[in-house]
């Protein structure tokens, strides 16, 4: 089963929801567990925050994390390598905060 999260843009200046729909994430489920590609998006600007892959609910393979704020916002921040939920390697690419 594929699930896509949708949200409306929230304007902090006016404290109201706008009419722009923004994708907040995509995930695939199998037997009630995350299974397959996973993406999480910044709710306001829409860029990807996390790209990952799951096998039976455990992160597996390469996880890419992008900087959510600051001068490097949207840039690749770190890459993690996992094997069925166990962290193998973590590499940082920029100063995020």
PDB file of N, CA and C in Angstrom:
ATOM      1  N   UNK A   1       0.834  -1.165   0.000  1.00  0.00           N
ATOM      2  CA  UNK A   1       0.000   0.000   0.000  1.00  0.00           C
ATOM      3  C   UNK A   1       0.888   1.240   0.000  1.00  0.00           C
ATOM      4  N   UNK A   2       0.564   2.180  -0.843  1.00  0.00           N
ATOM      5  CA  UNK A   2       1.302   3.440  -0.928  1.00  0.00           C
ATOM      6  C   UNK A   2       0.491   4.515  -0.219  1.00  0.00           C
ATOM      7  N   UNK A   3       1.149   5.259   0.678  1.00  0.00           N
ATOM      8  CA  UNK A   3       0.475   6.368   1.344  1.00  0.00           C
ATOM      9  C   UNK A   3       1.251   7.642   1.073  1.00  0.00           C
ATOM     10  N   UNK A   4       0.532   8.680   0.730  1.00  0.00           N
ATOM     11  CA  UNK A   4       1.136   9.987   0.509  1.00  0.00           C
ATOM     12  C   UNK A   4       0.506  10.969   1.478  1.00  0.00           C
ATOM     13  N   UNK A   5       1.338  11.652   2.253  1.00  0.00           N
ATOM     14  CA  UNK A   5       0.811  12.666   3.164  1.00  0.00           C
ATOM     15  C   UNK A   5       0.692  13.994   2.452  1.00  0.00           C
ATOM     16  N   UNK A   6      -0.424  14.654   2.627  1.00  0.00           N
ATOM     17  CA  UNK A   6      -0.633  15.971   2.041  1.00  0.00           C
ATOM     18  C   UNK A   6      -0.958  16.950   3.148  1.00  0.00           C
ATOM     19  N   UNK A   7      -0.507  18.169   2.997  1.00  0.00           N
ATOM     20  CA  UNK A   7      -0.770  19.182   4.004  1.00  0.00           C
ATOM     21  C   UNK A   7      -0.966  20.502   3.279  1.00  0.00           C
ATOM     22  N   UNK A   8      -1.559  21.455   3.950  1.00  0.00           N
ATOM     23  CA  UNK A   8      -1.716  22.785   3.391  1.00  0.00           C
ATOM     24  C   UNK A   8      -0.631  23.700   3.933  1.00  0.00           C
ATOM     25  N   UNK A   9      -0.180  24.613   3.104  1.00  0.00           N
ATOM     26  CA  UNK A   9       0.813  25.598   3.518  1.00  0.00           C
ATOM     27  C   UNK A   9       0.232  26.441   4.654  1.00  0.00           C
ATOM     28  N   UNK A  10       1.016  26.640   5.708  1.00  0.00           N
ATOM     29  CA  UNK A  10       0.588  27.460   6.838  1.00  0.00           C
ATOM     30  C   UNK A  10       1.412  28.737   6.858  1.00  0.00           C
ATOM     31  N   UNK A  11       0.745  29.866   6.804  1.00  0.00           N
ATOM     32  CA  UNK A  11       1.401  31.170   6.793  1.00  0.00           C
ATOM     33  C   UNK A  11       1.512  31.686   8.224  1.00  0.00           C
ATOM     34  N   UNK A  12       2.737  31.722   8.758  1.00  0.00           N
ATOM     35  CA  UNK A  12       2.941  32.167  10.134  1.00  0.00           C
ATOM     36  C   UNK A  12       2.612  33.641  10.321  1.00  0.00           C
ATOM     37  N   UNK A  13       2.783  34.431   9.278  1.00  0.00           N
ATOM     38  CA  UNK A  13       2.532  35.875   9.385  1.00  0.00           C
ATOM     39  C   UNK A  13       1.045  36.157   9.612  1.00  0.00           C
ATOM     40  N   UNK A  14       0.172  35.425   8.930  1.00  0.00           N
ATOM     41  CA  UNK A  14      -1.266  35.668   9.057  1.00  0.00           C
ATOM     42  C   UNK A  14      -1.959  34.626   9.927  1.00  0.00           C
ATOM     43  N   UNK A  15      -1.226  33.609  10.341  1.00  0.00           N
ATOM     44  CA  UNK A  15      -1.760  32.536  11.181  1.00  0.00           C
ATOM     45  C   UNK A  15      -2.939  31.821  10.516  1.00  0.00           C
ATOM     46  N   UNK A  16      -2.826  31.643   9.192  1.00  0.00           N
ATOM     47  CA  UNK A  16      -3.901  30.969   8.451  1.00  0.00           C
ATOM     48  C   UNK A  16      -3.304  29.942   7.487  1.00  0.00           C
ATOM     49  N   UNK A  17      -4.140  29.010   7.103  1.00  0.00           N
ATOM     50  CA  UNK A  17      -3.741  28.030   6.091  1.00  0.00           C
ATOM     51  C   UNK A  17      -4.010  28.606   4.712  1.00  0.00           C
ATOM     52  N   UNK A  18      -3.072  28.383   3.810  1.00  0.00           N
ATOM     53  CA  UNK A  18      -3.254  28.825   2.437  1.00  0.00           C
ATOM     54  C   UNK A  18      -3.957  27.757   1.624  1.00  0.00           C
ATOM     55  N   UNK A  19      -4.025  27.964   0.317  1.00  0.00           N
ATOM     56  CA  UNK A  19      -4.705  27.009  -0.542  1.00  0.00           C
ATOM     57  C   UNK A  19      -3.724  26.104  -1.284  1.00  0.00           C
ATOM     58  N   UNK A  20      -2.447  26.184  -0.952  1.00  0.00           N
ATOM     59  CA  UNK A  20      -1.425  25.394  -1.648  1.00  0.00           C
ATOM     60  C   UNK A  20      -1.220  24.055  -0.926  1.00  0.00           C
ATOM     61  N   UNK A  21      -1.516  22.979  -1.614  1.00  0.00           N
ATOM     62  CA  UNK A  21      -1.272  21.656  -1.062  1.00  0.00           C
ATOM     63  C   UNK A  21       0.195  21.303  -1.223  1.00  0.00           C
ATOM     64  N   UNK A  22       0.785  20.751  -0.197  1.00  0.00           N
ATOM     65  CA  UNK A  22       2.191  20.366  -0.242  1.00  0.00           C
ATOM     66  C   UNK A  22       2.321  18.922   0.187  1.00  0.00           C
ATOM     67  N   UNK A  23       3.054  18.156  -0.567  1.00  0.00           N
ATOM     68  CA  UNK A  23       3.310  16.764  -0.183  1.00  0.00           C
ATOM     69  C   UNK A  23       4.271  16.770   0.996  1.00  0.00           C
ATOM     70  N   UNK A  24       3.940  16.031   2.044  1.00  0.00           N
ATOM     71  CA  UNK A  24       4.794  15.985   3.219  1.00  0.00           C
ATOM     72  C   UNK A  24       5.549  14.670   3.329  1.00  0.00           C
ATOM     73  N   UNK A  25       5.113  13.648   2.591  1.00  0.00           N
ATOM     74  CA  UNK A  25       5.842  12.389   2.658  1.00  0.00           C
ATOM     75  C   UNK A  25       5.218  11.316   1.803  1.00  0.00           C
ATOM     76  N   UNK A  26       6.025  10.338   1.424  1.00  0.00           N
ATOM     77  CA  UNK A  26       5.522   9.148   0.742  1.00  0.00           C
ATOM     78  C   UNK A  26       6.137   7.936   1.420  1.00  0.00           C
ATOM     79  N   UNK A  27       5.333   6.923   1.573  1.00  0.00           N
ATOM     80  CA  UNK A  27       5.819   5.698   2.201  1.00  0.00           C
ATOM     81  C   UNK A  27       5.032   4.515   1.664  1.00  0.00           C
ATOM     82  N   UNK A  28       5.653   3.358   1.710  1.00  0.00           N
ATOM     83  CA  UNK A  28       5.025   2.119   1.290  1.00  0.00           C
ATOM     84  C   UNK A  28       4.946   1.192   2.492  1.00  0.00           C
ATOM     85  N   UNK A  29       3.823   0.506   2.615  1.00  0.00           N
ATOM     86  CA  UNK A  29       3.605  -0.376   3.750  1.00  0.00           C
ATOM     87  C   UNK A  29       3.395  -1.814   3.264  1.00  0.00           C
ATOM     88  N   UNK A  30       3.861  -2.741   4.088  1.00  0.00           N
ATOM     89  CA  UNK A  30       3.627  -4.160   3.834  1.00  0.00           C
ATOM     90  C   UNK A  30       3.407  -4.821   5.188  1.00  0.00           C
ATOM     91  N   UNK A  31       2.282  -5.477   5.355  1.00  0.00           N
ATOM     92  CA  UNK A  31       1.941  -6.128   6.617  1.00  0.00           C
ATOM     93  C   UNK A  31       2.053  -5.170   7.801  1.00  0.00           C
ATOM     94  N   UNK A  32       1.645  -3.909   7.602  1.00  0.00           N
ATOM     95  CA  UNK A  32       1.642  -2.918   8.677  1.00  0.00           C
ATOM     96  C   UNK A  32       2.989  -2.309   9.005  1.00  0.00           C
ATOM     97  N   UNK A  33       4.026  -2.602   8.206  1.00  0.00           N
ATOM     98  CA  UNK A  33       5.365  -2.060   8.448  1.00  0.00           C
ATOM     99  C   UNK A  33       5.841  -1.303   7.218  1.00  0.00           C
ATOM    100  N   UNK A  34       6.697  -0.284   7.458  1.00  0.00           N
ATOM    101  CA  UNK A  34       7.300   0.413   6.330  1.00  0.00           C
ATOM    102  C   UNK A  34       8.097  -0.580   5.499  1.00  0.00           C
ATOM    103  N   UNK A  35       7.909  -0.506   4.175  1.00  0.00           N
ATOM    104  CA  UNK A  35       8.606  -1.430   3.291  1.00  0.00           C
ATOM    105  C   UNK A  35       8.724  -0.779   1.914  1.00  0.00           C
ATOM    106  N   UNK A  36       9.939  -0.466   1.508  1.00  0.00           N
ATOM    107  CA  UNK A  36      10.165   0.175   0.219  1.00  0.00           C
ATOM    108  C   UNK A  36      10.685   1.586   0.390  1.00  0.00           C
ATOM    109  N   UNK A  37      10.684   2.369  -0.694  1.00  0.00           N
ATOM    110  CA  UNK A  37      11.228   3.730  -0.634  1.00  0.00           C
ATOM    111  C   UNK A  37      10.397   4.633   0.264  1.00  0.00           C
ATOM    112  N   UNK A  38      11.091   5.570   0.925  1.00  0.00           N
ATOM    113  CA  UNK A  38      10.452   6.506   1.846  1.00  0.00           C
ATOM    114  C   UNK A  38      11.032   7.888   1.589  1.00  0.00           C
ATOM    115  N   UNK A  39      10.168   8.901   1.527  1.00  0.00           N
ATOM    116  CA  UNK A  39      10.608  10.289   1.385  1.00  0.00           C
ATOM    117  C   UNK A  39       9.794  11.170   2.308  1.00  0.00           C
ATOM    118  N   UNK A  40      10.477  12.139   2.917  1.00  0.00           N
ATOM    119  CA  UNK A  40       9.830  13.131   3.759  1.00  0.00           C
ATOM    120  C   UNK A  40      10.217  14.497   3.202  1.00  0.00           C
ATOM    121  N   UNK A  41       9.232  15.396   3.071  1.00  0.00           N
ATOM    122  CA  UNK A  41       9.457  16.697   2.455  1.00  0.00           C
ATOM    123  C   UNK A  41       9.301  17.821   3.466  1.00  0.00           C
ATOM    124  N   UNK A  42      10.003  18.936   3.232  1.00  0.00           N
ATOM    125  CA  UNK A  42       9.797  20.153   4.006  1.00  0.00           C
ATOM    126  C   UNK A  42       8.366  20.626   3.739  1.00  0.00           C
ATOM    127  N   UNK A  43       7.598  20.863   4.804  1.00  0.00           N
ATOM    128  CA  UNK A  43       6.189  21.178   4.618  1.00  0.00           C
ATOM    129  C   UNK A  43       5.951  22.540   3.983  1.00  0.00           C
ATOM    130  N   UNK A  44       6.889  23.466   4.119  1.00  0.00           N
ATOM    131  CA  UNK A  44       6.677  24.808   3.587  1.00  0.00           C
ATOM    132  C   UNK A  44       7.233  24.976   2.185  1.00  0.00           C
ATOM    133  N   UNK A  45       8.505  24.615   1.991  1.00  0.00           N
ATOM    134  CA  UNK A  45       9.159  24.859   0.708  1.00  0.00           C
ATOM    135  C   UNK A  45       9.125  23.664  -0.236  1.00  0.00           C
ATOM    136  N   UNK A  46       8.785  22.489   0.287  1.00  0.00           N
ATOM    137  CA  UNK A  46       8.582  21.332  -0.567  1.00  0.00           C
ATOM    138  C   UNK A  46       9.812  20.547  -0.961  1.00  0.00           C
ATOM    139  N   UNK A  47      11.011  20.939  -0.509  1.00  0.00           N
ATOM    140  CA  UNK A  47      12.193  20.162  -0.885  1.00  0.00           C
ATOM    141  C   UNK A  47      12.297  18.902  -0.010  1.00  0.00           C
ATOM    142  N   UNK A  48      13.036  17.921  -0.493  1.00  0.00           N
ATOM    143  CA  UNK A  48      13.170  16.654   0.221  1.00  0.00           C
ATOM    144  C   UNK A  48      14.040  16.842   1.459  1.00  0.00           C
ATOM    145  N   UNK A  49      13.580  16.302   2.598  1.00  0.00           N
ATOM    146  CA  UNK A  49      14.349  16.321   3.835  1.00  0.00           C
ATOM    147  C   UNK A  49      15.056  14.988   4.071  1.00  0.00           C
ATOM    148  N   UNK A  50      14.373  13.891   3.772  1.00  0.00           N
ATOM    149  CA  UNK A  50      14.921  12.555   4.009  1.00  0.00           C
ATOM    150  C   UNK A  50      14.542  11.641   2.855  1.00  0.00           C
ATOM    151  N   UNK A  51      15.524  10.890   2.373  1.00  0.00           N
ATOM    152  CA  UNK A  51      15.297   9.816   1.412  1.00  0.00           C
ATOM    153  C   UNK A  51      15.841   8.543   2.038  1.00  0.00           C
ATOM    154  N   UNK A  52      15.021   7.522   2.079  1.00  0.00           N
ATOM    155  CA  UNK A  52      15.438   6.301   2.746  1.00  0.00           C
ATOM    156  C   UNK A  52      14.783   5.100   2.080  1.00  0.00           C
ATOM    157  N   UNK A  53      15.075   3.937   2.594  1.00  0.00           N
ATOM    158  CA  UNK A  53      14.463   2.702   2.132  1.00  0.00           C
ATOM    159  C   UNK A  53      14.257   1.796   3.348  1.00  0.00           C
ATOM    160  N   UNK A  54      13.140   1.096   3.374  1.00  0.00           N
ATOM    161  CA  UNK A  54      12.825   0.208   4.488  1.00  0.00           C
ATOM    162  C   UNK A  54      12.578  -1.216   4.004  1.00  0.00           C
ATOM    163  N   UNK A  55      12.955  -2.157   4.827  1.00  0.00           N
ATOM    164  CA  UNK A  55      12.644  -3.568   4.610  1.00  0.00           C
ATOM    165  C   UNK A  55      12.021  -4.078   5.907  1.00  0.00           C
ATOM    166  N   UNK A  56      10.752  -4.447   5.824  1.00  0.00           N
ATOM    167  CA  UNK A  56      10.015  -4.935   6.990  1.00  0.00           C
ATOM    168  C   UNK A  56      10.164  -4.041   8.219  1.00  0.00           C
ATOM    169  N   UNK A  57      10.048  -2.733   8.032  1.00  0.00           N
ATOM    170  CA  UNK A  57      10.058  -1.786   9.139  1.00  0.00           C
ATOM    171  C   UNK A  57      11.430  -1.315   9.591  1.00  0.00           C
ATOM    172  N   UNK A  58      12.498  -1.786   8.960  1.00  0.00           N
ATOM    173  CA  UNK A  58      13.853  -1.380   9.352  1.00  0.00           C
ATOM    174  C   UNK A  58      14.529  -0.668   8.183  1.00  0.00           C
ATOM    175  N   UNK A  59      15.233   0.451   8.520  1.00  0.00           N
ATOM    176  CA  UNK A  59      15.949   1.170   7.470  1.00  0.00           C
ATOM    177  C   UNK A  59      17.033   0.279   6.888  1.00  0.00           C
ATOM    178  N   UNK A  60      17.116   0.281   5.569  1.00  0.00           N
ATOM    179  CA  UNK A  60      18.068  -0.573   4.889  1.00  0.00           C
ATOM    180  C   UNK A  60      18.662   0.171   3.700  1.00  0.00           C
ATOM    181  N   UNK A  61      19.975   0.241   3.654  1.00  0.00           N
ATOM    182  CA  UNK A  61      20.640   0.908   2.544  1.00  0.00           C
ATOM    183  C   UNK A  61      21.032   2.327   2.895  1.00  0.00           C
ATOM    184  N   UNK A  62      21.048   3.182   1.884  1.00  0.00           N
ATOM    185  CA  UNK A  62      21.509   4.558   2.034  1.00  0.00           C
ATOM    186  C   UNK A  62      20.373   5.465   2.479  1.00  0.00           C
ATOM    187  N   UNK A  63      20.650   6.288   3.496  1.00  0.00           N
ATOM    188  CA  UNK A  63      19.701   7.295   3.970  1.00  0.00           C
ATOM    189  C   UNK A  63      20.338   8.655   3.713  1.00  0.00           C
ATOM    190  N   UNK A  64      19.660   9.491   2.956  1.00  0.00           N
ATOM    191  CA  UNK A  64      20.151  10.839   2.687  1.00  0.00           C
ATOM    192  C   UNK A  64      19.313  11.826   3.484  1.00  0.00           C
ATOM    193  N   UNK A  65      19.982  12.680   4.262  1.00  0.00           N
ATOM    194  CA  UNK A  65      19.313  13.685   5.087  1.00  0.00           C
ATOM    195  C   UNK A  65      19.757  15.060   4.599  1.00  0.00           C
ATOM    196  N   UNK A  66      18.784  15.934   4.341  1.00  0.00           N
ATOM    197  CA  UNK A  66      19.067  17.261   3.819  1.00  0.00           C
ATOM    198  C   UNK A  66      18.819  18.295   4.918  1.00  0.00           C
ATOM    199  N   UNK A  67      19.594  19.357   4.901  1.00  0.00           N
ATOM    200  CA  UNK A  67      19.539  20.388   5.931  1.00  0.00           C
ATOM    201  C   UNK A  67      18.190  21.127   5.885  1.00  0.00           C
ATOM    202  N   UNK A  68      17.468  21.177   7.019  1.00  0.00           N
ATOM    203  CA  UNK A  68      16.157  21.832   7.019  1.00  0.00           C
ATOM    204  C   UNK A  68      16.205  23.347   7.197  1.00  0.00           C
ATOM    205  N   UNK A  69      17.293  23.891   7.728  1.00  0.00           N
ATOM    206  CA  UNK A  69      17.364  25.317   8.057  1.00  0.00           C
ATOM    207  C   UNK A  69      18.757  25.879   7.816  1.00  0.00           C
ATOM    208  N   UNK A  70      18.868  27.187   8.033  1.00  0.00           N
ATOM    209  CA  UNK A  70      20.171  27.843   7.999  1.00  0.00           C
ATOM    210  C   UNK A  70      20.695  28.109   6.605  1.00  0.00           C
ATOM    211  N   UNK A  71      21.961  28.444   6.552  1.00  0.00           N
ATOM    212  CA  UNK A  71      22.562  28.837   5.266  1.00  0.00           C
ATOM    213  C   UNK A  71      22.659  27.682   4.284  1.00  0.00           C
ATOM    214  N   UNK A  72      22.678  26.449   4.778  1.00  0.00           N
ATOM    215  CA  UNK A  72      22.775  25.282   3.893  1.00  0.00           C
ATOM    216  C   UNK A  72      21.431  24.589   3.684  1.00  0.00           C
ATOM    217  N   UNK A  73      20.350  25.300   3.918  1.00  0.00           N
ATOM    218  CA  UNK A  73      19.006  24.749   3.793  1.00  0.00           C
ATOM    219  C   UNK A  73      18.828  24.059   2.440  1.00  0.00           C
ATOM    220  N   UNK A  74      18.365  22.829   2.477  1.00  0.00           N
ATOM    221  CA  UNK A  74      18.116  22.071   1.254  1.00  0.00           C
ATOM    222  C   UNK A  74      19.312  21.312   0.725  1.00  0.00           C
ATOM    223  N   UNK A  75      20.508  21.573   1.266  1.00  0.00           N
ATOM    224  CA  UNK A  75      21.712  20.872   0.816  1.00  0.00           C
ATOM    225  C   UNK A  75      21.855  19.533   1.543  1.00  0.00           C
ATOM    226  N   UNK A  76      22.529  18.613   0.887  1.00  0.00           N
ATOM    227  CA  UNK A  76      22.797  17.323   1.501  1.00  0.00           C
ATOM    228  C   UNK A  76      23.593  17.526   2.777  1.00  0.00           C
ATOM    229  N   UNK A  77      23.096  17.029   3.887  1.00  0.00           N
ATOM    230  CA  UNK A  77      23.737  17.216   5.186  1.00  0.00           C
ATOM    231  C   UNK A  77      24.498  15.971   5.593  1.00  0.00           C
ATOM    232  N   UNK A  78      23.858  14.818   5.532  1.00  0.00           N
ATOM    233  CA  UNK A  78      24.547  13.599   5.929  1.00  0.00           C
ATOM    234  C   UNK A  78      24.024  12.404   5.134  1.00  0.00           C
ATOM    235  N   UNK A  79      24.881  11.408   5.046  1.00  0.00           N
ATOM    236  CA  UNK A  79      24.491  10.131   4.461  1.00  0.00           C
ATOM    237  C   UNK A  79      24.787   9.060   5.497  1.00  0.00           C
ATOM    238  N   UNK A  80      23.790   8.224   5.730  1.00  0.00           N
ATOM    239  CA  UNK A  80      23.959   7.111   6.653  1.00  0.00           C
ATOM    240  C   UNK A  80      23.784   5.816   5.870  1.00  0.00           C
ATOM    241  N   UNK A  81      24.554   4.838   6.215  1.00  0.00           N
ATOM    242  CA  UNK A  81      24.402   3.507   5.622  1.00  0.00           C
ATOM    243  C   UNK A  81      23.867   2.583   6.706  1.00  0.00           C
ATOM    244  N   UNK A  82      22.789   1.890   6.409  1.00  0.00           N
ATOM    245  CA  UNK A  82      22.171   0.974   7.357  1.00  0.00           C
ATOM    246  C   UNK A  82      22.014  -0.393   6.712  1.00  0.00           C
ATOM    247  N   UNK A  83      22.086  -1.399   7.534  1.00  0.00           N
ATOM    248  CA  UNK A  83      21.786  -2.755   7.094  1.00  0.00           C
ATOM    249  C   UNK A  83      20.727  -3.298   8.032  1.00  0.00           C
ATOM    250  N   UNK A  84      19.504  -3.318   7.542  1.00  0.00           N
ATOM    251  CA  UNK A  84      18.351  -3.780   8.312  1.00  0.00           C
ATOM    252  C   UNK A  84      18.298  -3.161   9.706  1.00  0.00           C
ATOM    253  N   UNK A  85      18.404  -1.833   9.751  1.00  0.00           N
ATOM    254  CA  UNK A  85      18.256  -1.092  10.986  1.00  0.00           C
ATOM    255  C   UNK A  85      19.525  -0.859  11.770  1.00  0.00           C
ATOM    256  N   UNK A  86      20.617  -1.500  11.405  1.00  0.00           N
ATOM    257  CA  UNK A  86      21.887  -1.308  12.117  1.00  0.00           C
ATOM    258  C   UNK A  86      22.755  -0.322  11.339  1.00  0.00           C
ATOM    259  N   UNK A  87      23.185   0.745  12.042  1.00  0.00           N
ATOM    260  CA  UNK A  87      23.993   1.780  11.409  1.00  0.00           C
ATOM    261  C   UNK A  87      25.386   1.246  11.105  1.00  0.00           C
ATOM    262  N   UNK A  88      25.814   1.406   9.856  1.00  0.00           N
ATOM    263  CA  UNK A  88      27.136   0.949   9.427  1.00  0.00           C
ATOM    264  C   UNK A  88      28.102   2.120   9.312  1.00  0.00           C
ATOM    265  N   UNK A  89      27.622   3.228   8.748  1.00  0.00           N
ATOM    266  CA  UNK A  89      28.497   4.369   8.487  1.00  0.00           C
ATOM    267  C   UNK A  89      27.672   5.648   8.449  1.00  0.00           C
ATOM    268  N   UNK A  90      28.289   6.760   8.894  1.00  0.00           N
ATOM    269  CA  UNK A  90      27.638   8.062   8.867  1.00  0.00           C
ATOM    270  C   UNK A  90      28.663   9.083   8.393  1.00  0.00           C
ATOM    271  N   UNK A  91      28.320   9.869   7.378  1.00  0.00           N
ATOM    272  CA  UNK A  91      29.209  10.876   6.823  1.00  0.00           C
ATOM    273  C   UNK A  91      28.498  12.206   6.747  1.00  0.00           C
ATOM    274  N   UNK A  92      29.116  13.292   7.255  1.00  0.00           N
ATOM    275  CA  UNK A  92      28.529  14.621   7.183  1.00  0.00           C
ATOM    276  C   UNK A  92      29.110  15.370   5.989  1.00  0.00           C
ATOM    277  N   UNK A  93      28.257  16.184   5.343  1.00  0.00           N
ATOM    278  CA  UNK A  93      28.673  16.905   4.143  1.00  0.00           C
ATOM    279  C   UNK A  93      28.674  18.417   4.293  1.00  0.00           C
ATOM    280  N   UNK A  94      27.968  18.948   5.281  1.00  0.00           N
ATOM    281  CA  UNK A  94      27.979  20.409   5.468  1.00  0.00           C
ATOM    282  C   UNK A  94      27.580  20.706   6.908  1.00  0.00           C
ATOM    283  N   UNK A  95      27.787  21.945   7.311  1.00  0.00           N
ATOM    284  CA  UNK A  95      27.334  22.424   8.628  1.00  0.00           C
ATOM    285  C   UNK A  95      25.884  22.826   8.472  1.00  0.00           C
ATOM    286  N   UNK A  96      24.999  22.205   9.186  1.00  0.00           N
ATOM    287  CA  UNK A  96      23.585  22.483   8.980  1.00  0.00           C
ATOM    288  C   UNK A  96      23.098  23.657   9.812  1.00  0.00           C
ATOM    289  N   UNK A  97      23.557  23.796  11.040  1.00  0.00           N
ATOM    290  CA  UNK A  97      23.050  24.874  11.890  1.00  0.00           C
ATOM    291  C   UNK A  97      24.136  25.824  12.260  1.00  0.00           C
TER     292      UNK A  97
END
